[in-house]
Amino acid sequence: MFFGTWIDAEGEYFDTAHFADCSEKYPFQGGGCYLLLGTVGVDFHFPTVTIKKMAKMPFIPDPRMAQIV
């Protein structure tokens, strides 16, 4: 089981839970933007998304960051 903490388009944080079957099919692929599909549950008054599918989204690299290693 894995956990993730994300920032949405409005700048709000949310947490995700990734169970073993999902983690094998849809592993984390480093930092970036991800498309997430899951169900929302609330435990102890805090919402968590249980992920069913996840895909890293492509993006255009910033050439200013190419020099930073």
PDB file of N, CA and C in Angstrom:
ATOM      1  N   MET A   1       0.843  -1.177   0.000  1.00  0.00           N
ATOM      2  CA  MET A   1       0.000   0.000   0.000  1.00  0.00           C
ATOM      3  C   MET A   1       0.887   1.238   0.000  1.00  0.00           C
ATOM      4  N   PHE A   2       0.497   2.207  -0.820  1.00  0.00           N
ATOM      5  CA  PHE A   2       1.215   3.475  -0.901  1.00  0.00           C
ATOM      6  C   PHE A   2       0.244   4.611  -0.632  1.00  0.00           C
ATOM      7  N   PHE A   3       0.800   5.747  -0.242  1.00  0.00           N
ATOM      8  CA  PHE A   3       0.001   6.942  -0.015  1.00  0.00           C
ATOM      9  C   PHE A   3       0.603   8.094  -0.812  1.00  0.00           C
ATOM     10  N   GLY A   4      -0.238   8.996  -1.258  1.00  0.00           N
ATOM     11  CA  GLY A   4       0.227  10.172  -1.976  1.00  0.00           C
ATOM     12  C   GLY A   4      -0.433  11.418  -1.414  1.00  0.00           C
ATOM     13  N   THR A   5       0.265  12.531  -1.481  1.00  0.00           N
ATOM     14  CA  THR A   5      -0.295  13.831  -1.135  1.00  0.00           C
ATOM     15  C   THR A   5      -0.150  14.711  -2.358  1.00  0.00           C
ATOM     16  N   TRP A   6      -1.226  15.321  -2.771  1.00  0.00           N
ATOM     17  CA  TRP A   6      -1.296  16.040  -4.033  1.00  0.00           C
ATOM     18  C   TRP A   6      -1.809  17.456  -3.815  1.00  0.00           C
ATOM     19  N   ILE A   7      -1.631  18.292  -4.831  1.00  0.00           N
ATOM     20  CA  ILE A   7      -2.183  19.649  -4.845  1.00  0.00           C
ATOM     21  C   ILE A   7      -3.079  19.747  -6.068  1.00  0.00           C
ATOM     22  N   ASP A   8      -4.339  20.149  -5.865  1.00  0.00           N
ATOM     23  CA  ASP A   8      -5.259  20.240  -6.994  1.00  0.00           C
ATOM     24  C   ASP A   8      -5.130  21.587  -7.711  1.00  0.00           C
ATOM     25  N   ALA A   9      -5.958  21.797  -8.719  1.00  0.00           N
ATOM     26  CA  ALA A   9      -5.884  22.995  -9.560  1.00  0.00           C
ATOM     27  C   ALA A   9      -6.144  24.282  -8.771  1.00  0.00           C
ATOM     28  N   GLU A  10      -6.870  24.179  -7.653  1.00  0.00           N
ATOM     29  CA  GLU A  10      -7.151  25.364  -6.829  1.00  0.00           C
ATOM     30  C   GLU A  10      -6.119  25.568  -5.725  1.00  0.00           C
ATOM     31  N   GLY A  11      -5.092  24.697  -5.670  1.00  0.00           N
ATOM     32  CA  GLY A  11      -4.057  24.821  -4.659  1.00  0.00           C
ATOM     33  C   GLY A  11      -4.376  24.119  -3.351  1.00  0.00           C
ATOM     34  N   GLU A  12      -5.435  23.307  -3.328  1.00  0.00           N
ATOM     35  CA  GLU A  12      -5.818  22.562  -2.128  1.00  0.00           C
ATOM     36  C   GLU A  12      -5.105  21.211  -2.103  1.00  0.00           C
ATOM     37  N   TYR A  13      -4.716  20.771  -0.924  1.00  0.00           N
ATOM     38  CA  TYR A  13      -4.058  19.480  -0.754  1.00  0.00           C
ATOM     39  C   TYR A  13      -5.097  18.376  -0.577  1.00  0.00           C
ATOM     40  N   PHE A  14      -4.778  17.172  -1.069  1.00  0.00           N
ATOM     41  CA  PHE A  14      -5.597  16.006  -0.787  1.00  0.00           C
ATOM     42  C   PHE A  14      -4.706  14.770  -0.788  1.00  0.00           C
ATOM     43  N   ASP A  15      -5.165  13.729  -0.087  1.00  0.00           N
ATOM     44  CA  ASP A  15      -4.392  12.498   0.059  1.00  0.00           C
ATOM     45  C   ASP A  15      -5.024  11.375  -0.753  1.00  0.00           C
ATOM     46  N   THR A  16      -4.176  10.439  -1.178  1.00  0.00           N
ATOM     47  CA  THR A  16      -4.647   9.264  -1.900  1.00  0.00           C
ATOM     48  C   THR A  16      -4.076   8.009  -1.266  1.00  0.00           C
ATOM     49  N   ALA A  17      -4.825   6.909  -1.405  1.00  0.00           N
ATOM     50  CA  ALA A  17      -4.380   5.589  -0.969  1.00  0.00           C
ATOM     51  C   ALA A  17      -4.300   4.707  -2.210  1.00  0.00           C
ATOM     52  N   HIS A  18      -3.183   3.978  -2.362  1.00  0.00           N
ATOM     53  CA  HIS A  18      -2.933   3.123  -3.522  1.00  0.00           C
ATOM     54  C   HIS A  18      -2.695   1.706  -3.006  1.00  0.00           C
ATOM     55  N   PHE A  19      -3.657   0.820  -3.221  1.00  0.00           N
ATOM     56  CA  PHE A  19      -3.521  -0.558  -2.763  1.00  0.00           C
ATOM     57  C   PHE A  19      -2.653  -1.346  -3.734  1.00  0.00           C
ATOM     58  N   ALA A  20      -2.211  -2.534  -3.314  1.00  0.00           N
ATOM     59  CA  ALA A  20      -1.218  -3.317  -4.054  1.00  0.00           C
ATOM     60  C   ALA A  20      -1.634  -3.607  -5.493  1.00  0.00           C
ATOM     61  N   ASP A  21      -2.880  -4.004  -5.725  1.00  0.00           N
ATOM     62  CA  ASP A  21      -3.306  -4.336  -7.088  1.00  0.00           C
ATOM     63  C   ASP A  21      -3.227  -3.126  -8.014  1.00  0.00           C
ATOM     64  N   CYS A  22      -3.603  -1.979  -7.520  1.00  0.00           N
ATOM     65  CA  CYS A  22      -3.526  -0.732  -8.305  1.00  0.00           C
ATOM     66  C   CYS A  22      -2.078  -0.286  -8.477  1.00  0.00           C
ATOM     67  N   SER A  23      -1.277  -0.422  -7.433  1.00  0.00           N
ATOM     68  CA  SER A  23       0.122   0.023  -7.490  1.00  0.00           C
ATOM     69  C   SER A  23       0.931  -0.765  -8.503  1.00  0.00           C
ATOM     70  N   GLU A  24       0.607  -2.037  -8.697  1.00  0.00           N
ATOM     71  CA  GLU A  24       1.313  -2.848  -9.689  1.00  0.00           C
ATOM     72  C   GLU A  24       0.953  -2.431 -11.108  1.00  0.00           C
ATOM     73  N   LYS A  25      -0.327  -2.176 -11.357  1.00  0.00           N
ATOM     74  CA  LYS A  25      -0.786  -1.789 -12.699  1.00  0.00           C
ATOM     75  C   LYS A  25      -0.450  -0.337 -13.026  1.00  0.00           C
ATOM     76  N   TYR A  26      -0.548   0.528 -12.028  1.00  0.00           N
ATOM     77  CA  TYR A  26      -0.382   1.970 -12.237  1.00  0.00           C
ATOM     78  C   TYR A  26       0.627   2.534 -11.230  1.00  0.00           C
ATOM     79  N   PRO A  27       1.919   2.292 -11.441  1.00  0.00           N
ATOM     80  CA  PRO A  27       2.928   2.751 -10.470  1.00  0.00           C
ATOM     81  C   PRO A  27       3.190   4.258 -10.576  1.00  0.00           C
ATOM     82  N   PHE A  28       3.721   4.811  -9.506  1.00  0.00           N
ATOM     83  CA  PHE A  28       4.198   6.194  -9.542  1.00  0.00           C
ATOM     84  C   PHE A  28       5.357   6.273 -10.527  1.00  0.00           C
ATOM     85  N   GLN A  29       5.428   7.350 -11.304  1.00  0.00           N
ATOM     86  CA  GLN A  29       6.474   7.517 -12.310  1.00  0.00           C
ATOM     87  C   GLN A  29       7.218   8.836 -12.112  1.00  0.00           C
ATOM     88  N   GLY A  30       7.500   9.183 -10.878  1.00  0.00           N
ATOM     89  CA  GLY A  30       8.226  10.410 -10.597  1.00  0.00           C
ATOM     90  C   GLY A  30       7.289  11.597 -10.473  1.00  0.00           C
ATOM     91  N   GLY A  31       7.892  12.755 -10.244  1.00  0.00           N
ATOM     92  CA  GLY A  31       7.117  13.981 -10.077  1.00  0.00           C
ATOM     93  C   GLY A  31       6.448  14.410 -11.361  1.00  0.00           C
ATOM     94  N   GLY A  32       5.388  15.162 -11.229  1.00  0.00           N
ATOM     95  CA  GLY A  32       4.681  15.665 -12.392  1.00  0.00           C
ATOM     96  C   GLY A  32       3.193  15.742 -12.142  1.00  0.00           C
ATOM     97  N   CYS A  33       2.431  15.906 -13.212  1.00  0.00           N
ATOM     98  CA  CYS A  33       0.972  15.963 -13.148  1.00  0.00           C
ATOM     99  C   CYS A  33       0.410  14.582 -13.466  1.00  0.00           C
ATOM    100  N   TYR A  34      -0.566  14.163 -12.687  1.00  0.00           N
ATOM    101  CA  TYR A  34      -1.170  12.843 -12.861  1.00  0.00           C
ATOM    102  C   TYR A  34      -2.677  12.981 -13.037  1.00  0.00           C
ATOM    103  N   LEU A  35      -3.237  12.086 -13.831  1.00  0.00           N
ATOM    104  CA  LEU A  35      -4.673  11.924 -13.950  1.00  0.00           C
ATOM    105  C   LEU A  35      -5.054  10.805 -12.997  1.00  0.00           C
ATOM    106  N   LEU A  36      -5.967  11.074 -12.057  1.00  0.00           N
ATOM    107  CA  LEU A  36      -6.319  10.111 -11.018  1.00  0.00           C
ATOM    108  C   LEU A  36      -7.794   9.746 -11.133  1.00  0.00           C
ATOM    109  N   LEU A  37      -8.092   8.454 -10.959  1.00  0.00           N
ATOM    110  CA  LEU A  37      -9.466   7.970 -10.933  1.00  0.00           C
ATOM    111  C   LEU A  37      -9.621   7.142  -9.678  1.00  0.00           C
ATOM    112  N   GLY A  38     -10.624   7.460  -8.868  1.00  0.00           N
ATOM    113  CA  GLY A  38     -10.817   6.721  -7.634  1.00  0.00           C
ATOM    114  C   GLY A  38     -12.119   7.085  -6.959  1.00  0.00           C
ATOM    115  N   THR A  39     -12.273   6.596  -5.744  1.00  0.00           N
ATOM    116  CA  THR A  39     -13.464   6.892  -4.954  1.00  0.00           C
ATOM    117  C   THR A  39     -13.058   7.676  -3.716  1.00  0.00           C
ATOM    118  N   VAL A  40     -13.926   8.606  -3.335  1.00  0.00           N
ATOM    119  CA  VAL A  40     -13.649   9.466  -2.185  1.00  0.00           C
ATOM    120  C   VAL A  40     -14.324   8.875  -0.947  1.00  0.00           C
ATOM    121  N   GLY A  41     -13.554   8.764   0.128  1.00  0.00           N
ATOM    122  CA  GLY A  41     -14.077   8.329   1.410  1.00  0.00           C
ATOM    123  C   GLY A  41     -13.633   9.304   2.487  1.00  0.00           C
ATOM    124  N   VAL A  42     -14.341   9.319   3.603  1.00  0.00           N
ATOM    125  CA  VAL A  42     -13.991  10.219   4.707  1.00  0.00           C
ATOM    126  C   VAL A  42     -13.756   9.382   5.950  1.00  0.00           C
ATOM    127  N   ASP A  43     -12.557   9.495   6.514  1.00  0.00           N
ATOM    128  CA  ASP A  43     -12.207   8.847   7.775  1.00  0.00           C
ATOM    129  C   ASP A  43     -11.710   9.915   8.739  1.00  0.00           C
ATOM    130  N   PHE A  44     -12.245   9.917   9.943  1.00  0.00           N
ATOM    131  CA  PHE A  44     -11.847  10.891  10.965  1.00  0.00           C
ATOM    132  C   PHE A  44     -11.975  12.317  10.443  1.00  0.00           C
ATOM    133  N   HIS A  45     -13.036  12.570   9.691  1.00  0.00           N
ATOM    134  CA  HIS A  45     -13.361  13.904   9.152  1.00  0.00           C
ATOM    135  C   HIS A  45     -12.347  14.391   8.125  1.00  0.00           C
ATOM    136  N   PHE A  46     -11.614  13.470   7.498  1.00  0.00           N
ATOM    137  CA  PHE A  46     -10.628  13.861   6.485  1.00  0.00           C
ATOM    138  C   PHE A  46     -10.846  13.023   5.227  1.00  0.00           C
ATOM    139  N   PRO A  47     -11.089  13.685   4.075  1.00  0.00           N
ATOM    140  CA  PRO A  47     -11.326  12.926   2.849  1.00  0.00           C
ATOM    141  C   PRO A  47     -10.045  12.316   2.282  1.00  0.00           C
ATOM    142  N   THR A  48     -10.177  11.105   1.747  1.00  0.00           N
ATOM    143  CA  THR A  48      -9.081  10.411   1.086  1.00  0.00           C
ATOM    144  C   THR A  48      -9.626   9.800  -0.199  1.00  0.00           C
ATOM    145  N   VAL A  49      -8.849   9.853  -1.273  1.00  0.00           N
ATOM    146  CA  VAL A  49      -9.237   9.231  -2.531  1.00  0.00           C
ATOM    147  C   VAL A  49      -8.535   7.875  -2.622  1.00  0.00           C
ATOM    148  N   THR A  50      -9.315   6.798  -2.759  1.00  0.00           N
ATOM    149  CA  THR A  50      -8.750   5.467  -2.983  1.00  0.00           C
ATOM    150  C   THR A  50      -8.633   5.297  -4.493  1.00  0.00           C
ATOM    151  N   ILE A  51      -7.406   5.195  -4.971  1.00  0.00           N
ATOM    152  CA  ILE A  51      -7.119   5.221  -6.402  1.00  0.00           C
ATOM    153  C   ILE A  51      -7.433   3.875  -7.055  1.00  0.00           C
ATOM    154  N   LYS A  52      -8.099   3.943  -8.219  1.00  0.00           N
ATOM    155  CA  LYS A  52      -8.364   2.756  -9.034  1.00  0.00           C
ATOM    156  C   LYS A  52      -7.472   2.748 -10.273  1.00  0.00           C
ATOM    157  N   LYS A  53      -7.219   3.936 -10.848  1.00  0.00           N
ATOM    158  CA  LYS A  53      -6.336   4.078 -12.008  1.00  0.00           C
ATOM    159  C   LYS A  53      -5.561   5.378 -11.868  1.00  0.00           C
ATOM    160  N   MET A  54      -4.360   5.398 -12.448  1.00  0.00           N
ATOM    161  CA  MET A  54      -3.524   6.589 -12.379  1.00  0.00           C
ATOM    162  C   MET A  54      -2.626   6.627 -13.614  1.00  0.00           C
ATOM    163  N   ALA A  55      -2.448   7.799 -14.193  1.00  0.00           N
ATOM    164  CA  ALA A  55      -1.558   7.948 -15.355  1.00  0.00           C
ATOM    165  C   ALA A  55      -0.831   9.278 -15.257  1.00  0.00           C
ATOM    166  N   LYS A  56       0.455   9.258 -15.532  1.00  0.00           N
ATOM    167  CA  LYS A  56       1.232  10.492 -15.551  1.00  0.00           C
ATOM    168  C   LYS A  56       0.938  11.226 -16.851  1.00  0.00           C
ATOM    169  N   MET A  57       0.665  12.501 -16.745  1.00  0.00           N
ATOM    170  CA  MET A  57       0.313  13.310 -17.906  1.00  0.00           C
ATOM    171  C   MET A  57       1.579  13.880 -18.552  1.00  0.00           C
ATOM    172  N   PRO A  58       1.592  13.926 -19.881  1.00  0.00           N
ATOM    173  CA  PRO A  58       2.750  14.530 -20.555  1.00  0.00           C
ATOM    174  C   PRO A  58       2.723  16.049 -20.380  1.00  0.00           C
ATOM    175  N   PHE A  59       3.886  16.649 -20.444  1.00  0.00           N
ATOM    176  CA  PHE A  59       3.955  18.105 -20.383  1.00  0.00           C
ATOM    177  C   PHE A  59       5.160  18.574 -21.178  1.00  0.00           C
ATOM    178  N   ILE A  60       5.139  19.835 -21.536  1.00  0.00           N
ATOM    179  CA  ILE A  60       6.248  20.423 -22.284  1.00  0.00           C
ATOM    180  C   ILE A  60       7.307  20.848 -21.281  1.00  0.00           C
ATOM    181  N   PRO A  61       8.541  20.338 -21.393  1.00  0.00           N
ATOM    182  CA  PRO A  61       9.586  20.702 -20.429  1.00  0.00           C
ATOM    183  C   PRO A  61       9.935  22.195 -20.505  1.00  0.00           C
ATOM    184  N   ASP A  62      10.290  22.730 -19.380  1.00  0.00           N
ATOM    185  CA  ASP A  62      10.730  24.122 -19.278  1.00  0.00           C
ATOM    186  C   ASP A  62      12.230  24.144 -19.586  1.00  0.00           C
ATOM    187  N   PRO A  63      12.660  24.784 -20.689  1.00  0.00           N
ATOM    188  CA  PRO A  63      14.083  24.765 -21.035  1.00  0.00           C
ATOM    189  C   PRO A  63      14.967  25.423 -19.975  1.00  0.00           C
ATOM    190  N   ARG A  64      14.420  26.290 -19.151  1.00  0.00           N
ATOM    191  CA  ARG A  64      15.208  26.923 -18.088  1.00  0.00           C
ATOM    192  C   ARG A  64      15.613  25.898 -17.037  1.00  0.00           C
ATOM    193  N   MET A  65      14.850  24.819 -16.910  1.00  0.00           N
ATOM    194  CA  MET A  65      15.131  23.807 -15.899  1.00  0.00           C
ATOM    195  C   MET A  65      16.108  22.745 -16.415  1.00  0.00           C
ATOM    196  N   ALA A  66      16.413  22.735 -17.702  1.00  0.00           N
ATOM    197  CA  ALA A  66      17.292  21.725 -18.282  1.00  0.00           C
ATOM    198  C   ALA A  66      18.726  21.830 -17.734  1.00  0.00           C
ATOM    199  N   GLN A  67      19.130  23.009 -17.304  1.00  0.00           N
ATOM    200  CA  GLN A  67      20.484  23.213 -16.803  1.00  0.00           C
ATOM    201  C   GLN A  67      20.620  22.800 -15.344  1.00  0.00           C
ATOM    202  N   ILE A  68      19.504  22.604 -14.664  1.00  0.00           N
ATOM    203  CA  ILE A  68      19.544  22.226 -13.256  1.00  0.00           C
ATOM    204  C   ILE A  68      19.552  20.708 -13.175  1.00  0.00           C
ATOM    205  N   VAL A  69      20.547  20.163 -12.507  1.00  0.00           N
ATOM    206  CA  VAL A  69      20.637  18.699 -12.379  1.00  0.00           C
ATOM    207  C   VAL A  69      20.292  18.281 -10.984  1.00  0.00           C
TER     208      VAL A  69
END
